[in-house]
Amino acid sequence: MSIAQAKRFSLEEYHKLTELGFFHEDDHIELINGEIIQMVAKGTTHETCLRRLWKELPKLIGDRATLQSQAPITLPPNSEPEPDFAIVRNSTDDYLSAHPSPSDVLLVMEVADSSLSYDQDVKIPLYAKAGIADYWIFNLFDNYLECYSEPYQDNQGKYGYLNKRIVLVKMAIALPCFPDLSLDLSRVFPAKLNL
């Protein structure tokens, strides 16, 4: 008796499907562990947090690195997530020849409300396995920033981060890649609506 199994895609196959026009421009998808994942729709709180990050991060980073939003990061052999934000090393061709790879990534940031468990349970091991040193989740459900650092692999072959730090909304945090630059979280997290 045979059991049906989902098709897993390599990065090369995924890129070929994109080139062939298999996906539409407005499809919100990413390749995670060989699976093409449809991303959930974003609510107003999520979008407001993104807009606020777009106001703050470029002012902070300036020309010291490249800021990208909802753009691919190539994680061989079979993942290409599109995090809400990533700070990557400057590239002479602005990544025209290839998407940033793990060695280019200085910090990955996700904004999470309905996607919180996915960003914690799927993305943490994904980024840790790729050797991404620092991963932040702007947790809109609990209204604080989760900062993960120091990727590791345990004896069972599972990946994660040794350190998890919680930073509250009224605090500021230094960027791990640029310790002299601090992000004021009160300027990022949206105020809670009294409904």
N, C-alpha and C. Protein backbone atom coordinates (compact mmCIF):
# COMPACT_ATOMS: atom_id res chain seq x y z
N MET A 1 0.84 -1.19 0.00
CA MET A 1 0.00 0.00 0.00
C MET A 1 0.89 1.25 0.00
N SER A 2 0.65 2.15 -0.94
CA SER A 2 1.44 3.37 -1.00
C SER A 2 0.67 4.52 -0.34
N ILE A 3 1.45 5.41 0.26
CA ILE A 3 0.86 6.58 0.91
C ILE A 3 1.25 7.81 0.11
N ALA A 4 0.26 8.65 -0.18
CA ALA A 4 0.53 9.88 -0.94
C ALA A 4 1.44 10.79 -0.13
N GLN A 5 2.34 11.46 -0.83
CA GLN A 5 3.26 12.36 -0.17
C GLN A 5 3.31 13.68 -0.94
N ALA A 6 3.33 14.77 -0.21
CA ALA A 6 3.38 16.08 -0.85
C ALA A 6 4.71 16.26 -1.56
N LYS A 7 4.69 16.96 -2.68
CA LYS A 7 5.90 17.26 -3.44
C LYS A 7 6.66 18.38 -2.73
N ARG A 8 7.93 18.15 -2.49
CA ARG A 8 8.79 19.20 -1.94
C ARG A 8 9.63 19.76 -3.07
N PHE A 9 9.83 21.08 -3.04
CA PHE A 9 10.53 21.77 -4.10
C PHE A 9 11.92 22.19 -3.65
N SER A 10 12.85 22.12 -4.58
CA SER A 10 14.19 22.67 -4.34
C SER A 10 14.13 24.17 -4.65
N LEU A 11 15.17 24.87 -4.26
CA LEU A 11 15.25 26.30 -4.61
C LEU A 11 15.24 26.49 -6.12
N GLU A 12 15.95 25.61 -6.83
CA GLU A 12 16.01 25.71 -8.29
C GLU A 12 14.63 25.53 -8.92
N GLU A 13 13.88 24.54 -8.44
CA GLU A 13 12.52 24.31 -8.97
C GLU A 13 11.60 25.49 -8.66
N TYR A 14 11.71 26.00 -7.45
CA TYR A 14 10.89 27.14 -7.02
C TYR A 14 11.18 28.36 -7.91
N HIS A 15 12.46 28.62 -8.16
CA HIS A 15 12.83 29.76 -9.01
C HIS A 15 12.34 29.55 -10.44
N LYS A 16 12.39 28.31 -10.92
CA LYS A 16 11.91 28.02 -12.28
C LYS A 16 10.41 28.28 -12.39
N LEU A 17 9.64 27.85 -11.37
CA LEU A 17 8.19 28.11 -11.36
C LEU A 17 7.91 29.61 -11.39
N THR A 18 8.72 30.37 -10.66
CA THR A 18 8.57 31.83 -10.64
C THR A 18 8.85 32.41 -12.01
N GLU A 19 9.94 31.97 -12.64
CA GLU A 19 10.31 32.46 -13.98
C GLU A 19 9.24 32.12 -15.02
N LEU A 20 8.61 30.97 -14.87
CA LEU A 20 7.58 30.53 -15.81
C LEU A 20 6.24 31.25 -15.60
N GLY A 21 6.16 32.08 -14.56
CA GLY A 21 4.92 32.81 -14.30
C GLY A 21 3.87 31.98 -13.59
N PHE A 22 4.29 30.91 -12.93
CA PHE A 22 3.35 30.05 -12.21
C PHE A 22 2.67 30.80 -11.07
N PHE A 23 3.42 31.72 -10.46
CA PHE A 23 2.88 32.52 -9.36
C PHE A 23 2.54 33.91 -9.88
N HIS A 24 1.54 34.52 -9.28
CA HIS A 24 1.16 35.88 -9.64
C HIS A 24 1.95 36.87 -8.79
N GLU A 25 2.11 38.07 -9.30
CA GLU A 25 2.86 39.12 -8.61
C GLU A 25 2.34 39.37 -7.20
N ASP A 26 1.02 39.30 -7.02
CA ASP A 26 0.44 39.59 -5.71
C ASP A 26 0.22 38.35 -4.84
N ASP A 27 0.74 37.20 -5.26
CA ASP A 27 0.68 36.01 -4.40
C ASP A 27 1.63 36.21 -3.22
N HIS A 28 1.12 35.97 -2.03
CA HIS A 28 1.95 36.09 -0.83
C HIS A 28 2.40 34.69 -0.43
N ILE A 29 3.52 34.27 -1.00
CA ILE A 29 4.02 32.92 -0.78
C ILE A 29 5.50 32.97 -0.42
N GLU A 30 5.96 31.89 0.18
CA GLU A 30 7.38 31.70 0.42
C GLU A 30 7.67 30.22 0.45
N LEU A 31 8.90 29.86 0.19
CA LEU A 31 9.33 28.46 0.20
C LEU A 31 9.96 28.17 1.55
N ILE A 32 9.35 27.23 2.29
CA ILE A 32 9.84 26.87 3.62
C ILE A 32 10.02 25.37 3.67
N ASN A 33 11.26 24.93 3.85
CA ASN A 33 11.58 23.50 3.93
C ASN A 33 10.99 22.72 2.76
N GLY A 34 11.06 23.31 1.57
CA GLY A 34 10.59 22.64 0.37
C GLY A 34 9.11 22.76 0.09
N GLU A 35 8.36 23.38 1.00
CA GLU A 35 6.91 23.56 0.82
C GLU A 35 6.60 25.00 0.44
N ILE A 36 5.69 25.18 -0.51
CA ILE A 36 5.25 26.52 -0.89
C ILE A 36 4.13 26.90 0.07
N ILE A 37 4.39 27.93 0.86
CA ILE A 37 3.47 28.33 1.93
C ILE A 37 2.75 29.61 1.53
N GLN A 38 1.42 29.58 1.62
CA GLN A 38 0.61 30.78 1.40
C GLN A 38 0.57 31.57 2.71
N MET A 39 1.00 32.81 2.66
CA MET A 39 1.05 33.63 3.87
C MET A 39 -0.34 34.18 4.18
N VAL A 40 -0.61 34.33 5.48
CA VAL A 40 -1.91 34.82 5.92
C VAL A 40 -2.03 36.32 5.63
N ALA A 41 -3.27 36.76 5.49
CA ALA A 41 -3.54 38.19 5.28
C ALA A 41 -3.13 38.97 6.53
N LYS A 42 -2.69 40.20 6.33
CA LYS A 42 -2.23 41.02 7.44
C LYS A 42 -3.33 41.98 7.88
N GLY A 43 -3.52 42.07 9.20
CA GLY A 43 -4.51 42.98 9.76
C GLY A 43 -3.96 44.39 9.89
N THR A 44 -4.80 45.30 10.37
CA THR A 44 -4.39 46.70 10.49
C THR A 44 -3.27 46.90 11.51
N THR A 45 -3.29 46.15 12.61
CA THR A 45 -2.24 46.30 13.61
C THR A 45 -0.89 45.90 13.02
N HIS A 46 -0.88 44.80 12.29
CA HIS A 46 0.34 44.31 11.63
C HIS A 46 0.86 45.36 10.65
N GLU A 47 -0.01 45.88 9.81
CA GLU A 47 0.40 46.87 8.81
C GLU A 47 0.87 48.17 9.45
N THR A 48 0.23 48.58 10.55
CA THR A 48 0.64 49.79 11.25
C THR A 48 2.05 49.62 11.82
N CYS A 49 2.33 48.45 12.40
CA CYS A 49 3.66 48.16 12.92
C CYS A 49 4.69 48.20 11.78
N LEU A 50 4.35 47.61 10.63
CA LEU A 50 5.26 47.65 9.47
C LEU A 50 5.54 49.09 9.05
N ARG A 51 4.48 49.91 8.96
CA ARG A 51 4.66 51.31 8.55
C ARG A 51 5.57 52.05 9.53
N ARG A 52 5.39 51.78 10.82
CA ARG A 52 6.22 52.45 11.83
C ARG A 52 7.67 52.00 11.73
N LEU A 53 7.87 50.71 11.47
CA LEU A 53 9.25 50.23 11.27
C LEU A 53 9.87 50.88 10.04
N TRP A 54 9.06 51.08 8.99
CA TRP A 54 9.56 51.74 7.78
C TRP A 54 9.97 53.19 8.07
N LYS A 55 9.34 53.83 9.05
CA LYS A 55 9.72 55.19 9.43
C LYS A 55 11.02 55.20 10.23
N GLU A 56 11.17 54.23 11.14
CA GLU A 56 12.29 54.24 12.07
C GLU A 56 13.58 53.60 11.56
N LEU A 57 13.47 52.44 10.94
CA LEU A 57 14.68 51.69 10.57
C LEU A 57 15.58 52.40 9.54
N PRO A 58 15.02 52.97 8.47
CA PRO A 58 15.92 53.66 7.52
C PRO A 58 16.70 54.81 8.16
N LYS A 59 16.05 55.55 9.06
CA LYS A 59 16.74 56.65 9.75
C LYS A 59 17.89 56.12 10.59
N LEU A 60 17.67 54.99 11.26
CA LEU A 60 18.69 54.40 12.11
C LEU A 60 19.86 53.86 11.30
N ILE A 61 19.57 53.06 10.29
CA ILE A 61 20.60 52.30 9.58
C ILE A 61 21.35 53.15 8.56
N GLY A 62 20.65 54.07 7.93
CA GLY A 62 21.30 54.91 6.92
C GLY A 62 21.96 54.07 5.84
N ASP A 63 23.23 54.35 5.56
CA ASP A 63 23.98 53.63 4.53
C ASP A 63 24.86 52.52 5.09
N ARG A 64 24.73 52.24 6.39
CA ARG A 64 25.62 51.25 7.02
C ARG A 64 25.30 49.82 6.58
N ALA A 65 24.07 49.59 6.15
CA ALA A 65 23.63 48.26 5.70
C ALA A 65 22.45 48.48 4.77
N THR A 66 21.91 47.38 4.25
CA THR A 66 20.75 47.44 3.37
C THR A 66 19.54 46.90 4.12
N LEU A 67 18.45 47.63 4.03
CA LEU A 67 17.20 47.22 4.65
C LEU A 67 16.28 46.68 3.57
N GLN A 68 15.74 45.50 3.79
CA GLN A 68 14.76 44.97 2.84
C GLN A 68 13.52 44.52 3.60
N SER A 69 12.38 44.62 2.91
CA SER A 69 11.11 44.27 3.52
C SER A 69 10.34 43.31 2.62
N GLN A 70 9.90 42.20 3.21
CA GLN A 70 9.11 41.19 2.52
C GLN A 70 9.78 40.79 1.20
N ALA A 71 11.10 40.62 1.29
CA ALA A 71 11.92 40.22 0.15
C ALA A 71 12.66 38.93 0.51
N PRO A 72 12.97 38.11 -0.48
CA PRO A 72 13.55 36.80 -0.21
C PRO A 72 14.95 36.81 0.40
N ILE A 73 15.16 35.81 1.24
CA ILE A 73 16.48 35.43 1.74
C ILE A 73 16.64 33.97 1.36
N THR A 74 17.71 33.62 0.66
CA THR A 74 17.93 32.25 0.21
C THR A 74 18.61 31.44 1.29
N LEU A 75 17.93 30.38 1.75
CA LEU A 75 18.46 29.49 2.77
C LEU A 75 18.55 28.08 2.19
N PRO A 76 19.68 27.73 1.59
CA PRO A 76 19.81 26.40 0.99
C PRO A 76 19.59 25.30 2.04
N PRO A 77 19.07 24.13 1.65
CA PRO A 77 18.86 23.72 0.27
C PRO A 77 17.45 24.02 -0.27
N ASN A 78 16.47 24.31 0.61
CA ASN A 78 15.10 24.38 0.09
C ASN A 78 14.20 25.37 0.80
N SER A 79 14.75 26.52 1.18
CA SER A 79 13.91 27.54 1.81
C SER A 79 14.26 28.92 1.27
N GLU A 80 13.24 29.74 1.11
CA GLU A 80 13.42 31.12 0.70
C GLU A 80 12.32 31.96 1.36
N PRO A 81 12.47 32.19 2.68
CA PRO A 81 11.47 33.00 3.38
C PRO A 81 11.54 34.46 2.94
N GLU A 82 10.45 35.17 3.18
CA GLU A 82 10.39 36.60 2.89
C GLU A 82 9.98 37.31 4.17
N PRO A 83 10.93 37.49 5.09
CA PRO A 83 10.59 38.10 6.38
C PRO A 83 10.10 39.53 6.23
N ASP A 84 9.37 39.99 7.23
CA ASP A 84 8.84 41.35 7.18
C ASP A 84 9.98 42.35 6.98
N PHE A 85 11.08 42.18 7.69
CA PHE A 85 12.26 43.02 7.50
C PHE A 85 13.51 42.18 7.68
N ALA A 86 14.56 42.58 6.98
CA ALA A 86 15.89 42.02 7.20
C ALA A 86 16.90 43.13 6.99
N ILE A 87 17.89 43.15 7.85
CA ILE A 87 19.04 44.03 7.66
C ILE A 87 20.14 43.14 7.12
N VAL A 88 20.62 43.47 5.93
CA VAL A 88 21.65 42.67 5.27
C VAL A 88 22.86 43.54 4.94
N ARG A 89 23.99 42.88 4.77
CA ARG A 89 25.21 43.60 4.41
C ARG A 89 25.02 44.31 3.07
N ASN A 90 25.64 45.45 2.93
CA ASN A 90 25.61 46.13 1.63
C ASN A 90 26.28 45.24 0.59
N SER A 91 25.76 45.29 -0.62
CA SER A 91 26.30 44.51 -1.73
C SER A 91 26.57 45.47 -2.89
N THR A 92 27.68 45.27 -3.58
CA THR A 92 28.03 46.18 -4.67
C THR A 92 26.97 46.21 -5.76
N ASP A 93 26.26 45.08 -5.97
CA ASP A 93 25.23 45.07 -7.01
C ASP A 93 23.81 45.12 -6.42
N ASP A 94 23.70 45.45 -5.13
CA ASP A 94 22.39 45.52 -4.45
C ASP A 94 21.59 44.23 -4.64
N TYR A 95 22.31 43.10 -4.62
CA TYR A 95 21.71 41.77 -4.72
C TYR A 95 20.97 41.54 -6.04
N LEU A 96 21.47 42.14 -7.10
CA LEU A 96 20.92 41.89 -8.43
C LEU A 96 21.24 40.46 -8.88
N SER A 97 22.43 39.97 -8.55
CA SER A 97 22.86 38.65 -9.01
C SER A 97 22.26 37.50 -8.22
N ALA A 98 21.88 37.75 -6.97
CA ALA A 98 21.28 36.70 -6.13
C ALA A 98 20.69 37.33 -4.88
N HIS A 99 19.66 36.68 -4.34
CA HIS A 99 19.08 37.14 -3.08
C HIS A 99 20.13 36.98 -1.96
N PRO A 100 19.98 37.73 -0.88
CA PRO A 100 20.91 37.56 0.24
C PRO A 100 20.89 36.11 0.76
N SER A 101 22.06 35.64 1.18
CA SER A 101 22.19 34.31 1.77
C SER A 101 22.47 34.50 3.27
N PRO A 102 22.52 33.41 4.05
CA PRO A 102 22.71 33.57 5.49
C PRO A 102 23.93 34.40 5.89
N SER A 103 25.02 34.29 5.15
CA SER A 103 26.22 35.07 5.51
C SER A 103 26.03 36.57 5.29
N ASP A 104 25.02 36.96 4.52
CA ASP A 104 24.73 38.37 4.27
C ASP A 104 23.82 38.98 5.33
N VAL A 105 23.10 38.13 6.07
CA VAL A 105 22.03 38.58 6.96
C VAL A 105 22.59 39.00 8.32
N LEU A 106 22.27 40.22 8.72
CA LEU A 106 22.67 40.73 10.03
C LEU A 106 21.57 40.59 11.06
N LEU A 107 20.31 40.73 10.64
CA LEU A 107 19.16 40.63 11.55
C LEU A 107 17.91 40.36 10.73
N VAL A 108 17.10 39.41 11.20
CA VAL A 108 15.80 39.12 10.58
C VAL A 108 14.72 39.55 11.56
N MET A 109 13.67 40.18 11.04
CA MET A 109 12.56 40.65 11.88
C MET A 109 11.23 40.22 11.29
N GLU A 110 10.39 39.66 12.13
CA GLU A 110 9.02 39.32 11.74
C GLU A 110 8.07 40.10 12.64
N VAL A 111 6.98 40.57 12.07
CA VAL A 111 5.89 41.18 12.83
C VAL A 111 4.81 40.12 12.91
N ALA A 112 4.38 39.80 14.13
CA ALA A 112 3.49 38.64 14.29
C ALA A 112 2.27 38.96 15.14
N ASP A 113 1.11 38.65 14.57
CA ASP A 113 -0.12 38.60 15.35
C ASP A 113 -0.72 37.21 15.13
N SER A 114 -1.49 37.03 14.07
CA SER A 114 -2.05 35.71 13.79
C SER A 114 -0.98 34.69 13.39
N SER A 115 0.18 35.16 12.96
CA SER A 115 1.26 34.26 12.53
C SER A 115 2.24 33.93 13.66
N LEU A 116 1.94 34.30 14.89
CA LEU A 116 2.89 34.17 15.99
C LEU A 116 3.41 32.74 16.16
N SER A 117 2.53 31.76 16.23
CA SER A 117 3.00 30.39 16.46
C SER A 117 3.85 29.90 15.28
N TYR A 118 3.50 30.30 14.06
CA TYR A 118 4.29 29.94 12.88
C TYR A 118 5.69 30.57 12.96
N ASP A 119 5.74 31.85 13.33
CA ASP A 119 7.03 32.54 13.43
C ASP A 119 7.90 31.97 14.54
N GLN A 120 7.27 31.42 15.59
CA GLN A 120 8.02 30.81 16.69
C GLN A 120 8.38 29.35 16.39
N ASP A 121 7.41 28.56 15.94
CA ASP A 121 7.60 27.11 15.81
C ASP A 121 8.30 26.70 14.52
N VAL A 122 8.09 27.44 13.43
CA VAL A 122 8.68 27.09 12.13
C VAL A 122 9.89 27.96 11.81
N LYS A 123 9.75 29.27 12.01
CA LYS A 123 10.82 30.17 11.60
C LYS A 123 12.03 30.12 12.54
N ILE A 124 11.84 29.93 13.84
CA ILE A 124 12.99 29.86 14.75
C ILE A 124 13.95 28.74 14.33
N PRO A 125 13.47 27.49 14.18
CA PRO A 125 14.43 26.45 13.75
C PRO A 125 14.99 26.70 12.35
N LEU A 126 14.19 27.27 11.47
CA LEU A 126 14.64 27.55 10.10
C LEU A 126 15.81 28.53 10.10
N TYR A 127 15.65 29.66 10.79
CA TYR A 127 16.71 30.67 10.82
C TYR A 127 17.91 30.18 11.62
N ALA A 128 17.67 29.46 12.73
CA ALA A 128 18.78 28.95 13.53
C ALA A 128 19.61 27.94 12.74
N LYS A 129 18.94 27.05 12.00
CA LYS A 129 19.66 26.06 11.19
C LYS A 129 20.52 26.74 10.13
N ALA A 130 20.04 27.85 9.59
CA ALA A 130 20.78 28.59 8.56
C ALA A 130 21.93 29.40 9.15
N GLY A 131 21.99 29.46 10.49
CA GLY A 131 23.06 30.22 11.13
C GLY A 131 22.80 31.70 11.23
N ILE A 132 21.53 32.11 11.07
CA ILE A 132 21.17 33.52 11.25
C ILE A 132 21.37 33.86 12.73
N ALA A 133 22.28 34.78 13.02
CA ALA A 133 22.69 35.03 14.40
C ALA A 133 21.59 35.67 15.25
N ASP A 134 20.79 36.54 14.66
CA ASP A 134 19.79 37.29 15.44
C ASP A 134 18.46 37.32 14.72
N TYR A 135 17.40 37.03 15.47
CA TYR A 135 16.04 36.96 14.94
C TYR A 135 15.11 37.64 15.94
N TRP A 136 14.35 38.60 15.46
CA TRP A 136 13.40 39.34 16.30
C TRP A 136 11.98 39.07 15.85
N ILE A 137 11.10 38.92 16.83
CA ILE A 137 9.66 38.83 16.56
C ILE A 137 8.97 39.98 17.30
N PHE A 138 8.35 40.87 16.53
CA PHE A 138 7.53 41.91 17.13
C PHE A 138 6.18 41.27 17.44
N ASN A 139 6.03 40.81 18.68
CA ASN A 139 4.88 40.03 19.12
C ASN A 139 3.73 40.99 19.44
N LEU A 140 2.81 41.13 18.49
CA LEU A 140 1.68 42.05 18.67
C LEU A 140 0.59 41.47 19.55
N PHE A 141 0.63 40.17 19.74
CA PHE A 141 -0.36 39.50 20.61
C PHE A 141 -0.07 39.83 22.08
N ASP A 142 1.19 39.69 22.48
CA ASP A 142 1.59 39.98 23.86
C ASP A 142 2.16 41.38 24.03
N ASN A 143 2.33 42.09 22.91
CA ASN A 143 2.78 43.48 22.91
C ASN A 143 4.19 43.65 23.48
N TYR A 144 5.12 42.82 22.98
CA TYR A 144 6.53 42.99 23.31
C TYR A 144 7.39 42.41 22.19
N LEU A 145 8.68 42.73 22.25
CA LEU A 145 9.63 42.24 21.27
C LEU A 145 10.33 41.00 21.83
N GLU A 146 10.39 39.93 21.02
CA GLU A 146 11.14 38.72 21.38
C GLU A 146 12.43 38.74 20.58
N CYS A 147 13.56 38.73 21.27
CA CYS A 147 14.88 38.76 20.62
C CYS A 147 15.57 37.42 20.82
N TYR A 148 15.88 36.76 19.73
CA TYR A 148 16.55 35.46 19.78
C TYR A 148 17.96 35.61 19.26
N SER A 149 18.92 34.95 19.95
CA SER A 149 20.32 35.02 19.51
C SER A 149 21.03 33.71 19.85
N GLU A 150 22.16 33.51 19.24
CA GLU A 150 23.02 32.35 19.40
C GLU A 150 22.35 31.04 18.96
N PRO A 151 22.33 30.81 17.65
CA PRO A 151 21.73 29.57 17.14
C PRO A 151 22.51 28.34 17.61
N TYR A 152 21.80 27.23 17.80
CA TYR A 152 22.42 25.98 18.23
C TYR A 152 21.65 24.80 17.66
N GLN A 153 22.27 23.63 17.74
CA GLN A 153 21.63 22.36 17.40
C GLN A 153 21.76 21.45 18.60
N ASP A 154 20.64 20.85 19.04
CA ASP A 154 20.70 19.97 20.20
C ASP A 154 21.07 18.54 19.81
N ASN A 155 21.13 17.64 20.78
CA ASN A 155 21.54 16.25 20.54
C ASN A 155 20.56 15.48 19.66
N GLN A 156 19.32 15.92 19.57
CA GLN A 156 18.33 15.27 18.72
C GLN A 156 18.29 15.86 17.31
N GLY A 157 19.18 16.80 17.03
CA GLY A 157 19.23 17.40 15.71
C GLY A 157 18.27 18.56 15.51
N LYS A 158 17.63 19.02 16.57
CA LYS A 158 16.70 20.15 16.48
C LYS A 158 17.48 21.46 16.63
N TYR A 159 17.00 22.48 15.94
CA TYR A 159 17.65 23.78 15.96
C TYR A 159 16.83 24.79 16.73
N GLY A 160 17.52 25.72 17.33
CA GLY A 160 16.86 26.80 18.07
C GLY A 160 17.89 27.86 18.43
N TYR A 161 17.51 28.73 19.34
CA TYR A 161 18.39 29.78 19.82
C TYR A 161 18.61 29.61 21.32
N LEU A 162 19.85 29.80 21.75
CA LEU A 162 20.18 29.66 23.17
C LEU A 162 19.55 30.77 24.00
N ASN A 163 19.47 31.96 23.44
CA ASN A 163 18.99 33.11 24.20
C ASN A 163 17.68 33.65 23.65
N LYS A 164 16.76 33.92 24.57
CA LYS A 164 15.52 34.62 24.24
C LYS A 164 15.40 35.77 25.25
N ARG A 165 15.27 36.96 24.72
CA ARG A 165 15.14 38.14 25.56
C ARG A 165 13.84 38.85 25.22
N ILE A 166 13.10 39.25 26.23
CA ILE A 166 11.86 40.00 26.05
C ILE A 166 12.16 41.48 26.30
N VAL A 167 11.73 42.33 25.37
CA VAL A 167 11.91 43.77 25.53
C VAL A 167 10.52 44.41 25.45
N LEU A 168 10.18 45.16 26.49
CA LEU A 168 8.84 45.74 26.61
C LEU A 168 8.69 46.99 25.73
N VAL A 169 7.45 47.32 25.48
CA VAL A 169 7.09 48.39 24.54
C VAL A 169 7.70 49.75 24.90
N LYS A 170 7.83 50.06 26.15
CA LYS A 170 8.33 51.38 26.54
C LYS A 170 9.86 51.44 26.63
N MET A 171 10.51 50.40 26.11
CA MET A 171 11.97 50.33 26.19
C MET A 171 12.59 50.57 24.81
N ALA A 172 13.89 50.71 24.81
CA ALA A 172 14.66 50.80 23.57
C ALA A 172 15.62 49.62 23.55
N ILE A 173 16.00 49.20 22.35
CA ILE A 173 16.93 48.08 22.22
C ILE A 173 17.98 48.41 21.17
N ALA A 174 19.22 48.05 21.48
CA ALA A 174 20.31 48.25 20.52
C ALA A 174 20.22 47.19 19.43
N LEU A 175 20.52 47.59 18.21
CA LEU A 175 20.56 46.63 17.11
C LEU A 175 21.79 45.74 17.32
N PRO A 176 21.64 44.43 17.26
CA PRO A 176 22.79 43.55 17.51
C PRO A 176 23.94 43.76 16.51
N CYS A 177 23.60 44.13 15.29
CA CYS A 177 24.63 44.34 14.26
C CYS A 177 25.29 45.71 14.39
N PHE A 178 24.61 46.65 15.05
CA PHE A 178 25.14 48.00 15.26
C PHE A 178 24.79 48.43 16.69
N PRO A 179 25.57 47.99 17.67
CA PRO A 179 25.25 48.24 19.09
C PRO A 179 25.12 49.72 19.45
N ASP A 180 25.67 50.60 18.62
CA ASP A 180 25.56 52.03 18.90
C ASP A 180 24.22 52.61 18.44
N LEU A 181 23.39 51.81 17.77
CA LEU A 181 22.08 52.26 17.28
C LEU A 181 20.97 51.61 18.09
N SER A 182 20.04 52.40 18.60
CA SER A 182 18.94 51.87 19.40
C SER A 182 17.60 52.18 18.77
N LEU A 183 16.72 51.18 18.82
CA LEU A 183 15.35 51.32 18.32
C LEU A 183 14.42 51.53 19.50
N ASP A 184 13.70 52.64 19.49
CA ASP A 184 12.73 52.96 20.54
C ASP A 184 11.43 52.24 20.21
N LEU A 185 11.11 51.21 20.99
CA LEU A 185 9.94 50.38 20.68
C LEU A 185 8.61 51.12 20.84
N SER A 186 8.59 52.17 21.62
CA SER A 186 7.34 52.94 21.76
C SER A 186 6.97 53.63 20.45
N ARG A 187 7.94 53.79 19.57
CA ARG A 187 7.68 54.39 18.26
C ARG A 187 7.34 53.35 17.20
N VAL A 188 7.35 52.06 17.60
CA VAL A 188 7.11 50.97 16.66
C VAL A 188 5.80 50.25 16.92
N PHE A 189 5.57 49.87 18.17
CA PHE A 189 4.35 49.12 18.49
C PHE A 189 3.13 50.05 18.44
N PRO A 190 2.08 49.63 17.75
CA PRO A 190 0.86 50.44 17.71
C PRO A 190 0.19 50.47 19.09
N ALA A 191 -0.44 51.60 19.39
CA ALA A 191 -1.21 51.69 20.64
C ALA A 191 -2.39 50.74 20.55
N LYS A 192 -2.71 50.10 21.65
CA LYS A 192 -3.86 49.19 21.68
C LYS A 192 -5.15 50.01 21.59
N LEU A 193 -6.06 49.55 20.74
CA LEU A 193 -7.35 50.24 20.59
C LEU A 193 -8.29 49.80 21.72
N ASN A 194 -8.98 50.75 22.28
CA ASN A 194 -9.99 50.43 23.28
C ASN A 194 -11.32 50.23 22.59
N LEU A 195 -11.69 48.98 22.38
CA LEU A 195 -12.92 48.68 21.66
C LEU A 195 -14.05 48.41 22.62
